[in-house]
PDB file of N, CA and C in Angstrom:
ATOM      1  N   MET A   1      -5.770   9.165 -40.792  1.00  0.00           N
ATOM      2  CA  MET A   1      -6.664   8.521 -40.010  1.00  0.00           C
ATOM      3  C   MET A   1      -8.299   8.323 -40.357  1.00  0.00           C
ATOM      4  N   LYS A   2      -8.873   7.010 -40.234  1.00  0.00           N
ATOM      5  CA  LYS A   2     -10.575   6.849 -40.726  1.00  0.00           C
ATOM      6  C   LYS A   2     -11.257   6.927 -39.289  1.00  0.00           C
ATOM      7  N   ILE A   3     -12.257   7.057 -39.661  1.00  0.00           N
ATOM      8  CA  ILE A   3     -13.206   7.056 -38.875  1.00  0.00           C
ATOM      9  C   ILE A   3     -14.611   6.385 -39.158  1.00  0.00           C
ATOM     10  N   PHE A   4     -15.338   5.591 -38.507  1.00  0.00           N
ATOM     11  CA  PHE A   4     -16.429   4.883 -38.971  1.00  0.00           C
ATOM     12  C   PHE A   4     -17.767   5.780 -37.668  1.00  0.00           C
ATOM     13  N   LEU A   5     -18.646   6.018 -38.502  1.00  0.00           N
ATOM     14  CA  LEU A   5     -20.007   6.930 -37.680  1.00  0.00           C
ATOM     15  C   LEU A   5     -20.957   6.032 -37.841  1.00  0.00           C
ATOM     16  N   PRO A   6     -21.788   5.847 -36.771  1.00  0.00           N
ATOM     17  CA  PRO A   6     -23.228   5.350 -36.873  1.00  0.00           C
ATOM     18  C   PRO A   6     -23.878   6.256 -37.860  1.00  0.00           C
ATOM     19  N   ASP A   7     -25.182   5.870 -38.147  1.00  0.00           N
ATOM     20  CA  ASP A   7     -25.498   6.221 -39.539  1.00  0.00           C
ATOM     21  C   ASP A   7     -26.372   7.478 -38.909  1.00  0.00           C
ATOM     22  N   THR A   8     -26.297   8.016 -38.257  1.00  0.00           N
ATOM     23  CA  THR A   8     -27.446   9.296 -37.799  1.00  0.00           C
ATOM     24  C   THR A   8     -26.330  10.099 -37.466  1.00  0.00           C
ATOM     25  N   LEU A   9     -25.228   9.745 -37.038  1.00  0.00           N
ATOM     26  CA  LEU A   9     -24.021  10.773 -37.220  1.00  0.00           C
ATOM     27  C   LEU A   9     -23.647  11.058 -38.449  1.00  0.00           C
ATOM     28  N   MET A  10     -23.546  10.076 -39.149  1.00  0.00           N
ATOM     29  CA  MET A  10     -23.012  10.172 -40.586  1.00  0.00           C
ATOM     30  C   MET A  10     -24.148  11.424 -41.446  1.00  0.00           C
ATOM     31  N   SER A  11     -25.560  10.731 -41.078  1.00  0.00           N
ATOM     32  CA  SER A  11     -26.338  12.310 -41.919  1.00  0.00           C
ATOM     33  C   SER A  11     -26.082  13.525 -41.301  1.00  0.00           C
ATOM     34  N   PHE A  12     -26.006  13.467 -39.850  1.00  0.00           N
ATOM     35  CA  PHE A  12     -25.816  14.817 -39.291  1.00  0.00           C
ATOM     36  C   PHE A  12     -24.493  15.526 -40.353  1.00  0.00           C
ATOM     37  N   VAL A  13     -23.185  15.188 -40.230  1.00  0.00           N
ATOM     38  CA  VAL A  13     -22.216  15.452 -40.814  1.00  0.00           C
ATOM     39  C   VAL A  13     -22.587  15.715 -42.341  1.00  0.00           C
ATOM     40  N   ASP A  14     -22.886  14.892 -43.012  1.00  0.00           N
ATOM     41  CA  ASP A  14     -23.447  14.997 -44.409  1.00  0.00           C
ATOM     42  C   ASP A  14     -24.537  16.310 -44.741  1.00  0.00           C
ATOM     43  N   GLU A  15     -25.377  16.358 -43.879  1.00  0.00           N
ATOM     44  CA  GLU A  15     -26.203  17.902 -43.297  1.00  0.00           C
ATOM     45  C   GLU A  15     -25.623  18.876 -43.259  1.00  0.00           C
ATOM     46  N   GLN A  16     -24.446  18.802 -42.277  1.00  0.00           N
ATOM     47  CA  GLN A  16     -23.698  20.261 -41.865  1.00  0.00           C
ATOM     48  C   GLN A  16     -22.950  20.314 -43.449  1.00  0.00           C
ATOM     49  N   VAL A  17     -22.294  19.422 -43.764  1.00  0.00           N
ATOM     50  CA  VAL A  17     -21.450  19.636 -45.214  1.00  0.00           C
ATOM     51  C   VAL A  17     -22.510  20.439 -46.110  1.00  0.00           C
ATOM     52  N   LYS A  18     -23.571  19.982 -46.478  1.00  0.00           N
ATOM     53  CA  LYS A  18     -24.680  21.250 -47.402  1.00  0.00           C
ATOM     54  C   LYS A  18     -25.028  22.172 -46.602  1.00  0.00           C
ATOM     55  N   GLN A  19     -25.241  22.511 -45.463  1.00  0.00           N
ATOM     56  CA  GLN A  19     -25.642  23.829 -44.941  1.00  0.00           C
ATOM     57  C   GLN A  19     -24.514  24.754 -44.840  1.00  0.00           C
ATOM     58  N   ARG A  20     -23.151  24.345 -44.218  1.00  0.00           N
ATOM     59  CA  ARG A  20     -22.325  25.253 -44.443  1.00  0.00           C
ATOM     60  C   ARG A  20     -21.545  25.506 -45.444  1.00  0.00           C
ATOM     61  N   GLY A  21     -21.651  24.347 -46.297  1.00  0.00           N
ATOM     62  CA  GLY A  21     -20.692  24.698 -47.395  1.00  0.00           C
ATOM     63  C   GLY A  21     -19.180  24.206 -47.665  1.00  0.00           C
ATOM     64  N   TYR A  22     -18.915  23.250 -46.615  1.00  0.00           N
ATOM     65  CA  TYR A  22     -18.125  22.276 -46.976  1.00  0.00           C
ATOM     66  C   TYR A  22     -17.710  21.461 -48.236  1.00  0.00           C
ATOM     67  N   ASN A  23     -16.705  21.052 -48.471  1.00  0.00           N
ATOM     68  CA  ASN A  23     -16.584  20.315 -49.833  1.00  0.00           C
ATOM     69  C   ASN A  23     -16.934  18.794 -49.287  1.00  0.00           C
ATOM     70  N   THR A  24     -16.390  18.136 -48.138  1.00  0.00           N
ATOM     71  CA  THR A  24     -16.241  16.622 -47.752  1.00  0.00           C
ATOM     72  C   THR A  24     -16.687  17.055 -45.958  1.00  0.00           C
ATOM     73  N   GLY A  25     -17.134  15.682 -46.068  1.00  0.00           N
ATOM     74  CA  GLY A  25     -17.190  15.786 -44.254  1.00  0.00           C
ATOM     75  C   GLY A  25     -15.583  15.764 -43.568  1.00  0.00           C
ATOM     76  N   ALA A  26     -14.944  15.604 -44.146  1.00  0.00           N
ATOM     77  CA  ALA A  26     -13.236  15.674 -43.366  1.00  0.00           C
ATOM     78  C   ALA A  26     -13.434  17.109 -43.063  1.00  0.00           C
ATOM     79  N   GLU A  27     -13.597  18.172 -44.298  1.00  0.00           N
ATOM     80  CA  GLU A  27     -13.631  19.418 -44.229  1.00  0.00           C
ATOM     81  C   GLU A  27     -14.518  20.003 -42.393  1.00  0.00           C
ATOM     82  N   TYR A  28     -15.256  19.584 -42.314  1.00  0.00           N
ATOM     83  CA  TYR A  28     -16.187  19.549 -41.269  1.00  0.00           C
ATOM     84  C   TYR A  28     -15.561  19.228 -40.225  1.00  0.00           C
ATOM     85  N   VAL A  29     -14.729  17.818 -40.438  1.00  0.00           N
ATOM     86  CA  VAL A  29     -14.293  17.469 -39.030  1.00  0.00           C
ATOM     87  C   VAL A  29     -12.895  18.128 -38.631  1.00  0.00           C
ATOM     88  N   CYS A  30     -12.585  18.352 -39.579  1.00  0.00           N
ATOM     89  CA  CYS A  30     -11.246  19.184 -39.594  1.00  0.00           C
ATOM     90  C   CYS A  30     -11.649  20.655 -38.864  1.00  0.00           C
ATOM     91  N   GLU A  31     -12.863  21.384 -39.050  1.00  0.00           N
ATOM     92  CA  GLU A  31     -12.967  22.338 -38.536  1.00  0.00           C
ATOM     93  C   GLU A  31     -13.487  22.293 -36.927  1.00  0.00           C
ATOM     94  N   LEU A  32     -14.448  21.198 -36.793  1.00  0.00           N
ATOM     95  CA  LEU A  32     -14.639  20.816 -35.149  1.00  0.00           C
ATOM     96  C   LEU A  32     -13.373  20.846 -34.501  1.00  0.00           C
ATOM     97  N   ILE A  33     -12.278  20.031 -35.083  1.00  0.00           N
ATOM     98  CA  ILE A  33     -10.930  20.125 -34.353  1.00  0.00           C
ATOM     99  C   ILE A  33     -10.145  21.344 -33.810  1.00  0.00           C
ATOM    100  N   ARG A  34     -10.609  22.176 -35.153  1.00  0.00           N
ATOM    101  CA  ARG A  34      -9.987  23.501 -35.057  1.00  0.00           C
ATOM    102  C   ARG A  34     -10.214  24.245 -34.089  1.00  0.00           C
ATOM    103  N   LYS A  35     -11.537  24.062 -33.935  1.00  0.00           N
ATOM    104  CA  LYS A  35     -12.460  25.461 -32.745  1.00  0.00           C
ATOM    105  C   LYS A  35     -11.914  24.580 -31.677  1.00  0.00           C
ATOM    106  N   GLU A  36     -11.816  23.170 -31.404  1.00  0.00           N
ATOM    107  CA  GLU A  36     -12.170  22.777 -29.918  1.00  0.00           C
ATOM    108  C   GLU A  36     -10.443  22.849 -29.636  1.00  0.00           C
ATOM    109  N   GLN A  37      -9.428  23.040 -30.518  1.00  0.00           N
ATOM    110  CA  GLN A  37      -8.294  23.328 -30.278  1.00  0.00           C
ATOM    111  C   GLN A  37      -8.160  25.107 -29.458  1.00  0.00           C
ATOM    112  N   ASP A  38      -8.948  25.955 -30.511  1.00  0.00           N
ATOM    113  CA  ASP A  38      -8.994  27.096 -30.214  1.00  0.00           C
ATOM    114  C   ASP A  38      -9.924  27.396 -28.771  1.00  0.00           C
ATOM    115  N   ARG A  39     -10.932  26.454 -28.446  1.00  0.00           N
ATOM    116  CA  ARG A  39     -11.421  26.515 -26.928  1.00  0.00           C
ATOM    117  C   ARG A  39     -10.593  26.322 -25.931  1.00  0.00           C
ATOM    118  N   TRP A  40      -9.805  25.184 -25.885  1.00  0.00           N
ATOM    119  CA  TRP A  40      -8.557  24.675 -25.028  1.00  0.00           C
ATOM    120  C   TRP A  40      -7.583  26.045 -24.718  1.00  0.00           C
ATOM    121  N   LEU A  41      -7.214  26.661 -26.028  1.00  0.00           N
ATOM    122  CA  LEU A  41      -6.224  28.081 -25.832  1.00  0.00           C
ATOM    123  C   LEU A  41      -7.090  28.909 -25.113  1.00  0.00           C
ATOM    124  N   LEU A  42      -7.776  29.390 -25.436  1.00  0.00           N
ATOM    125  CA  LEU A  42      -8.931  30.228 -24.807  1.00  0.00           C
ATOM    126  C   LEU A  42      -8.604  30.115 -23.316  1.00  0.00           C
ATOM    127  N   ARG A  43      -9.463  28.628 -22.806  1.00  0.00           N
ATOM    128  CA  ARG A  43      -9.606  28.106 -21.721  1.00  0.00           C
ATOM    129  C   ARG A  43      -8.125  28.565 -20.609  1.00  0.00           C
ATOM    130  N   GLY A  44      -6.790  27.998 -21.753  1.00  0.00           N
ATOM    131  CA  GLY A  44      -5.623  28.460 -20.974  1.00  0.00           C
ATOM    132  C   GLY A  44      -5.691  29.297 -20.748  1.00  0.00           C
ATOM    133  N   LEU A  45      -5.675  30.204 -21.567  1.00  0.00           N
ATOM    134  CA  LEU A  45      -5.430  31.863 -21.362  1.00  0.00           C
ATOM    135  C   LEU A  45      -6.253  32.512 -20.275  1.00  0.00           C
ATOM    136  N   LEU A  46      -7.840  32.096 -20.209  1.00  0.00           N
ATOM    137  CA  LEU A  46      -8.235  32.424 -18.941  1.00  0.00           C
ATOM    138  C   LEU A  46      -7.820  32.055 -17.726  1.00  0.00           C
ATOM    139  N   LEU A  47      -7.388  30.726 -17.730  1.00  0.00           N
ATOM    140  CA  LEU A  47      -7.122  30.377 -16.184  1.00  0.00           C
ATOM    141  C   LEU A  47      -5.925  30.912 -15.872  1.00  0.00           C
ATOM    142  N   ASP A  48      -5.032  31.080 -17.087  1.00  0.00           N
ATOM    143  CA  ASP A  48      -3.623  31.737 -16.521  1.00  0.00           C
ATOM    144  C   ASP A  48      -3.965  33.106 -16.270  1.00  0.00           C
ATOM    145  N   GLY A  49      -4.832  33.913 -16.965  1.00  0.00           N
ATOM    146  CA  GLY A  49      -5.322  35.468 -16.115  1.00  0.00           C
ATOM    147  C   GLY A  49      -5.973  35.456 -14.925  1.00  0.00           C
ATOM    148  N   ALA A  50      -7.080  33.920 -14.618  1.00  0.00           N
ATOM    149  CA  ALA A  50      -7.388  34.315 -13.505  1.00  0.00           C
ATOM    150  C   ALA A  50      -6.907  34.214 -12.185  1.00  0.00           C
ATOM    151  N   THR A  51      -5.461  33.607 -12.374  1.00  0.00           N
ATOM    152  CA  THR A  51      -4.806  33.411 -11.455  1.00  0.00           C
ATOM    153  C   THR A  51      -3.450  34.451 -11.265  1.00  0.00           C
ATOM    154  N   ALA A  52      -3.324  35.191 -12.209  1.00  0.00           N
ATOM    155  CA  ALA A  52      -2.338  35.741 -12.446  1.00  0.00           C
ATOM    156  C   ALA A  52      -2.665  37.312 -11.324  1.00  0.00           C
ATOM    157  N   GLN A  53      -1.535  37.799 -10.901  1.00  0.00           N
ATOM    158  CA  GLN A  53      -1.915  39.214 -10.413  1.00  0.00           C
ATOM    159  C   GLN A  53      -2.249  40.490 -11.427  1.00  0.00           C
ATOM    160  N   PRO A  54      -2.910  41.517 -11.046  1.00  0.00           N
ATOM    161  CA  PRO A  54      -3.057  42.608 -11.745  1.00  0.00           C
ATOM    162  C   PRO A  54      -1.969  43.371 -12.088  1.00  0.00           C
ATOM    163  N   SER A  55      -1.545  43.937 -13.417  1.00  0.00           N
ATOM    164  CA  SER A  55      -0.463  44.653 -13.090  1.00  0.00           C
ATOM    165  C   SER A  55      -0.729  45.944 -12.637  1.00  0.00           C
ATOM    166  N   ALA A  56       0.116  47.041 -12.508  1.00  0.00           N
ATOM    167  CA  ALA A  56      -0.211  48.412 -11.968  1.00  0.00           C
ATOM    168  C   ALA A  56      -0.482  48.900 -13.180  1.00  0.00           C
ATOM    169  N   ALA A  57      -0.263  48.808 -14.465  1.00  0.00           N
ATOM    170  CA  ALA A  57      -1.120  49.136 -15.312  1.00  0.00           C
ATOM    171  C   ALA A  57      -2.453  48.996 -15.763  1.00  0.00           C
ATOM    172  N   ALA A  58      -2.993  47.761 -15.643  1.00  0.00           N
ATOM    173  CA  ALA A  58      -4.173  47.392 -15.142  1.00  0.00           C
ATOM    174  C   ALA A  58      -5.067  47.965 -14.388  1.00  0.00           C
ATOM    175  N   GLY A  59      -4.391  48.233 -13.213  1.00  0.00           N
ATOM    176  CA  GLY A  59      -5.226  48.866 -12.173  1.00  0.00           C
ATOM    177  C   GLY A  59      -5.429  50.382 -12.522  1.00  0.00           C
ATOM    178  N   THR A  60      -4.056  51.212 -12.936  1.00  0.00           N
ATOM    179  CA  THR A  60      -4.395  52.552 -13.644  1.00  0.00           C
ATOM    180  C   THR A  60      -5.162  52.653 -14.447  1.00  0.00           C
ATOM    181  N   TYR A  61      -5.471  51.739 -15.209  1.00  0.00           N
ATOM    182  CA  TYR A  61      -6.725  51.877 -16.659  1.00  0.00           C
ATOM    183  C   TYR A  61      -7.632  51.913 -15.880  1.00  0.00           C
ATOM    184  N   PHE A  62      -8.299  50.657 -15.151  1.00  0.00           N
ATOM    185  CA  PHE A  62      -9.625  51.038 -14.919  1.00  0.00           C
ATOM    186  C   PHE A  62     -10.126  51.724 -13.749  1.00  0.00           C
ATOM    187  N   ASP A  63      -8.843  52.462 -13.165  1.00  0.00           N
ATOM    188  CA  ASP A  63      -9.483  53.454 -11.962  1.00  0.00           C
ATOM    189  C   ASP A  63      -9.846  54.834 -13.385  1.00  0.00           C
ATOM    190  N   GLY A  64      -9.033  54.872 -14.599  1.00  0.00           N
ATOM    191  CA  GLY A  64      -9.134  55.810 -15.366  1.00  0.00           C
ATOM    192  C   GLY A  64     -10.747  55.797 -15.795  1.00  0.00           C
ATOM    193  N   LEU A  65     -10.858  54.508 -16.113  1.00  0.00           N
ATOM    194  CA  LEU A  65     -12.210  53.780 -16.658  1.00  0.00           C
ATOM    195  C   LEU A  65     -13.544  54.403 -15.747  1.00  0.00           C
ATOM    196  N   ARG A  66     -13.208  53.639 -14.440  1.00  0.00           N
ATOM    197  CA  ARG A  66     -14.106  54.588 -13.738  1.00  0.00           C
ATOM    198  C   ARG A  66     -14.496  55.845 -13.333  1.00  0.00           C
ATOM    199  N   ASP A  67     -13.613  56.418 -13.342  1.00  0.00           N
ATOM    200  CA  ASP A  67     -13.936  57.634 -13.370  1.00  0.00           C
ATOM    201  C   ASP A  67     -14.471  58.492 -14.476  1.00  0.00           C
ATOM    202  N   ARG A  68     -13.865  57.921 -15.952  1.00  0.00           N
ATOM    203  CA  ARG A  68     -14.480  58.509 -17.175  1.00  0.00           C
ATOM    204  C   ARG A  68     -16.190  57.812 -16.779  1.00  0.00           C
ATOM    205  N   VAL A  69     -16.624  56.815 -16.591  1.00  0.00           N
ATOM    206  CA  VAL A  69     -18.083  56.530 -16.392  1.00  0.00           C
ATOM    207  C   VAL A  69     -18.943  57.255 -15.546  1.00  0.00           C
ATOM    208  N   ARG A  70     -17.884  57.795 -14.130  1.00  0.00           N
ATOM    209  CA  ARG A  70     -18.533  58.762 -12.950  1.00  0.00           C
ATOM    210  C   ARG A  70     -18.606  59.989 -13.714  1.00  0.00           C
ATOM    211  N   ARG A  71     -17.805  60.547 -14.400  1.00  0.00           N
ATOM    212  CA  ARG A  71     -18.226  61.725 -14.981  1.00  0.00           C
ATOM    213  C   ARG A  71     -19.264  61.877 -16.166  1.00  0.00           C
ATOM    214  N   ALA A  72     -19.335  60.712 -16.962  1.00  0.00           N
ATOM    215  CA  ALA A  72     -20.247  60.849 -18.058  1.00  0.00           C
ATOM    216  C   ALA A  72     -21.627  60.639 -17.574  1.00  0.00           C
ATOM    217  N   GLY A  73     -21.762  59.757 -16.012  1.00  0.00           N
ATOM    218  CA  GLY A  73     -22.881  60.288 -15.746  1.00  0.00           C
ATOM    219  C   GLY A  73     -23.782  61.639 -14.804  1.00  0.00           C
ATOM    220  N   LYS A  74     -22.596  62.353 -14.540  1.00  0.00           N
ATOM    221  CA  LYS A  74     -23.211  63.618 -13.944  1.00  0.00           C
ATOM    222  C   LYS A  74     -23.389  64.584 -15.174  1.00  0.00           C
ATOM    223  N   PRO A  75     -24.483  65.042 -14.733  1.00  0.00           N
ATOM    224  CA  PRO A  75     -25.362  66.212 -15.886  1.00  0.00           C
ATOM    225  C   PRO A  75     -23.866  67.178 -15.874  1.00  0.00           C
ATOM    226  N   GLY A  76     -23.812  67.639 -17.444  1.00  0.00           N
ATOM    227  CA  GLY A  76     -22.695  68.680 -17.504  1.00  0.00           C
ATOM    228  C   GLY A  76     -21.433  68.305 -17.787  1.00  0.00           C
ATOM    229  N   THR A  77     -21.236  67.551 -17.468  1.00  0.00           N
ATOM    230  CA  THR A  77     -19.698  67.086 -17.660  1.00  0.00           C
ATOM    231  C   THR A  77     -19.357  66.247 -18.763  1.00  0.00           C
ATOM    232  N   GLN A  78     -18.332  66.343 -19.261  1.00  0.00           N
ATOM    233  CA  GLN A  78     -18.045  65.176 -20.437  1.00  0.00           C
ATOM    234  C   GLN A  78     -16.675  64.712 -20.015  1.00  0.00           C
ATOM    235  N   GLY A  79     -16.699  63.566 -20.739  1.00  0.00           N
ATOM    236  CA  GLY A  79     -15.417  62.578 -20.350  1.00  0.00           C
ATOM    237  C   GLY A  79     -14.767  62.514 -21.220  1.00  0.00           C
TER     238      GLY A  79
END
């Protein structure tokens, strides 16, 4: 794949290559694409989690966590 960038964008890429230690502009662009893939993966996981029903284990975990926080806030108690 070949891409052509306006001079202003090419200057930006060249500067990023120098500052971030990439060997080429292609390495920098590949890293940007990998990060975008990761963002989309994370977004999908978050959306899946937001629409999923909490499991009983999660409820139990958070109930216990709330109890520990309450006990830790009371003088003379250890969690």
